[in-house]
Each structure stands twice: as C-alpha cells, then as structure tokens.
N, C-alpha and C. Protein backbone atom coordinates (compact mmCIF):
# COMPACT_ATOMS: atom_id res chain seq x y z
N MET A 1 7.14 -66.47 63.25
CA MET A 1 6.67 -66.64 64.60
C MET A 1 7.22 -65.57 65.56
N PRO A 2 8.47 -65.10 65.35
CA PRO A 2 8.96 -64.05 66.26
C PRO A 2 8.12 -62.78 66.21
N THR A 3 7.54 -62.46 65.05
CA THR A 3 6.74 -61.24 64.99
C THR A 3 5.46 -61.39 65.80
N LEU A 4 4.92 -62.62 65.88
CA LEU A 4 3.73 -62.85 66.70
C LEU A 4 4.06 -62.64 68.17
N PHE A 5 5.20 -63.18 68.62
CA PHE A 5 5.59 -63.00 70.01
C PHE A 5 5.87 -61.53 70.32
N ARG A 6 6.48 -60.83 69.38
CA ARG A 6 6.75 -59.40 69.58
C ARG A 6 5.43 -58.63 69.68
N PHE A 7 4.47 -58.96 68.82
CA PHE A 7 3.16 -58.31 68.86
C PHE A 7 2.46 -58.59 70.19
N LEU A 8 2.46 -59.84 70.63
CA LEU A 8 1.82 -60.18 71.90
C LEU A 8 2.53 -59.51 73.07
N PHE A 9 3.85 -59.41 73.01
CA PHE A 9 4.60 -58.75 74.07
C PHE A 9 4.25 -57.26 74.13
N VAL A 10 4.15 -56.61 72.98
CA VAL A 10 3.80 -55.19 72.95
C VAL A 10 2.37 -54.99 73.46
N CYS A 11 1.45 -55.88 73.07
CA CYS A 11 0.07 -55.78 73.57
C CYS A 11 0.02 -55.97 75.07
N ALA A 12 0.81 -56.91 75.60
CA ALA A 12 0.83 -57.14 77.04
C ALA A 12 1.40 -55.94 77.78
N ILE A 13 2.43 -55.32 77.24
CA ILE A 13 3.01 -54.13 77.87
C ILE A 13 2.00 -52.98 77.86
N LEU A 14 1.31 -52.78 76.74
CA LEU A 14 0.30 -51.72 76.68
C LEU A 14 -0.85 -51.98 77.65
N ALA A 15 -1.31 -53.23 77.72
CA ALA A 15 -2.40 -53.56 78.64
C ALA A 15 -1.95 -53.36 80.08
N GLY A 16 -0.73 -53.73 80.40
CA GLY A 16 -0.20 -53.52 81.75
C GLY A 16 -0.09 -52.05 82.10
N THR A 17 0.31 -51.24 81.13
CA THR A 17 0.41 -49.80 81.36
C THR A 17 -0.96 -49.19 81.61
N VAL A 18 -1.95 -49.57 80.83
CA VAL A 18 -3.31 -49.07 81.02
C VAL A 18 -3.85 -49.52 82.37
N TYR A 19 -3.63 -50.78 82.71
CA TYR A 19 -4.10 -51.30 84.01
C TYR A 19 -3.42 -50.55 85.15
N GLY A 20 -2.14 -50.30 85.04
CA GLY A 20 -1.42 -49.57 86.07
C GLY A 20 -1.92 -48.14 86.21
N ALA A 21 -2.23 -47.50 85.10
CA ALA A 21 -2.76 -46.13 85.16
C ALA A 21 -4.13 -46.10 85.82
N MET A 22 -4.97 -47.07 85.50
CA MET A 22 -6.30 -47.13 86.14
C MET A 22 -6.17 -47.41 87.63
N TRP A 23 -5.26 -48.30 88.00
CA TRP A 23 -5.05 -48.60 89.42
C TRP A 23 -4.56 -47.35 90.16
N ALA A 24 -3.64 -46.60 89.55
CA ALA A 24 -3.14 -45.38 90.18
C ALA A 24 -4.25 -44.35 90.36
N LEU A 25 -5.13 -44.22 89.37
CA LEU A 25 -6.25 -43.28 89.51
C LEU A 25 -7.18 -43.68 90.63
N VAL A 26 -7.48 -44.97 90.72
CA VAL A 26 -8.39 -45.45 91.77
C VAL A 26 -7.76 -45.26 93.15
N THR A 27 -6.47 -45.47 93.25
CA THR A 27 -5.80 -45.43 94.54
C THR A 27 -5.52 -44.02 95.02
N PHE A 28 -5.06 -43.15 94.14
CA PHE A 28 -4.53 -41.87 94.58
C PHE A 28 -5.46 -40.67 94.36
N VAL A 29 -6.49 -40.79 93.57
CA VAL A 29 -7.36 -39.64 93.28
C VAL A 29 -8.65 -39.77 94.07
N GLU A 30 -8.97 -38.74 94.83
CA GLU A 30 -10.20 -38.70 95.62
C GLU A 30 -11.14 -37.67 94.99
N PRO A 31 -12.32 -38.07 94.54
CA PRO A 31 -13.22 -37.10 93.91
C PRO A 31 -13.77 -36.12 94.94
N GLN A 32 -14.03 -34.90 94.48
CA GLN A 32 -14.61 -33.89 95.35
C GLN A 32 -16.12 -34.06 95.37
N GLN A 33 -16.69 -34.07 96.58
CA GLN A 33 -18.14 -34.19 96.71
C GLN A 33 -18.76 -32.80 96.69
N ARG A 34 -19.89 -32.70 96.01
CA ARG A 34 -20.60 -31.42 95.95
C ARG A 34 -22.07 -31.70 95.74
N ASP A 35 -22.90 -30.72 96.08
CA ASP A 35 -24.34 -30.84 95.89
C ASP A 35 -24.68 -30.59 94.43
N VAL A 36 -25.63 -31.35 93.94
CA VAL A 36 -26.09 -31.19 92.56
C VAL A 36 -27.57 -30.86 92.61
N THR A 37 -27.95 -29.76 91.97
CA THR A 37 -29.34 -29.34 91.90
C THR A 37 -29.76 -29.32 90.44
N ILE A 38 -30.83 -30.04 90.15
CA ILE A 38 -31.35 -30.08 88.79
C ILE A 38 -32.77 -29.53 88.82
N ARG A 39 -33.00 -28.48 88.06
CA ARG A 39 -34.33 -27.87 88.00
C ARG A 39 -35.17 -28.61 86.97
N ILE A 40 -36.35 -29.05 87.39
CA ILE A 40 -37.28 -29.74 86.50
C ILE A 40 -38.47 -28.81 86.30
N PRO A 41 -38.78 -28.48 85.05
CA PRO A 41 -39.93 -27.59 84.80
C PRO A 41 -41.22 -28.24 85.31
N SER A 42 -42.12 -27.41 85.83
CA SER A 42 -43.37 -27.93 86.39
C SER A 42 -44.22 -28.60 85.32
N GLU A 43 -44.04 -28.23 84.05
CA GLU A 43 -44.81 -28.87 82.99
C GLU A 43 -44.43 -30.35 82.84
N ARG A 44 -43.22 -30.71 83.18
CA ARG A 44 -42.81 -32.11 83.09
C ARG A 44 -43.31 -32.91 84.28
N VAL A 45 -43.44 -32.26 85.44
CA VAL A 45 -43.92 -32.97 86.63
C VAL A 45 -45.43 -33.07 86.61
N ASN A 46 -46.11 -31.97 86.33
CA ASN A 46 -47.57 -31.93 86.27
C ASN A 46 -47.99 -31.47 84.88
N PRO A 47 -48.09 -32.39 83.93
CA PRO A 47 -48.47 -31.97 82.57
C PRO A 47 -49.89 -31.45 82.54
N PRO A 48 -50.17 -30.51 81.65
CA PRO A 48 -51.53 -29.98 81.57
C PRO A 48 -52.51 -31.07 81.15
N ALA A 49 -53.70 -31.01 81.73
CA ALA A 49 -54.71 -32.03 81.44
C ALA A 49 -55.24 -31.86 80.03
N THR A 50 -55.47 -32.98 79.37
CA THR A 50 -56.06 -32.96 78.04
C THR A 50 -57.38 -33.70 78.11
N GLY A 51 -58.42 -33.10 77.61
CA GLY A 51 -59.73 -33.73 77.64
C GLY A 51 -60.55 -33.23 78.81
N THR A 52 -61.64 -33.93 79.09
CA THR A 52 -62.54 -33.52 80.17
C THR A 52 -62.17 -34.23 81.45
N ILE A 53 -62.49 -33.59 82.56
CA ILE A 53 -62.22 -34.15 83.88
C ILE A 53 -63.55 -34.58 84.48
N ASP A 54 -63.60 -35.81 84.97
CA ASP A 54 -64.82 -36.35 85.58
C ASP A 54 -64.90 -35.84 87.01
N THR A 55 -65.86 -34.95 87.30
CA THR A 55 -66.01 -34.39 88.63
C THR A 55 -67.12 -35.06 89.42
N THR A 56 -67.73 -36.12 88.88
CA THR A 56 -68.83 -36.78 89.59
C THR A 56 -68.31 -37.76 90.63
N GLY A 57 -67.05 -38.12 90.58
CA GLY A 57 -66.50 -39.03 91.57
C GLY A 57 -66.68 -40.49 91.24
N ARG A 58 -67.07 -40.82 90.05
CA ARG A 58 -67.28 -42.23 89.68
C ARG A 58 -66.04 -42.87 89.18
C-alpha cells in the first residue's frame, strides 16, 4: 500500500507542477499581435465552369 500512496503523491506533484506552469504562462506571457495575410488562388474562389452555361435566362 505504501507504493500506491507514493505513486499517487508523485502524480499529484507532477500534475501540480504542470498546472502551475500553465498558470504562469497564462498570467505572465502576453502574445504579440500581428496582421496575417493568406493568399487564396483565384481558381479556388472562382473555379472554372464545367459544362454549358444557360444564357437564355430560364
């Protein structure tokens, strides 16, 4: 039984350390804002027509 308690204690210490590191990152680190430009090829926005086009307006 002592090995189970030792294992749970080590797991709790590791979880607390990870939680503390995440809390420190959230609290003390401020991300830099910047503009993001993504170029989309015109073929993806306006794909070429396939087949015939109905020009009668029906």
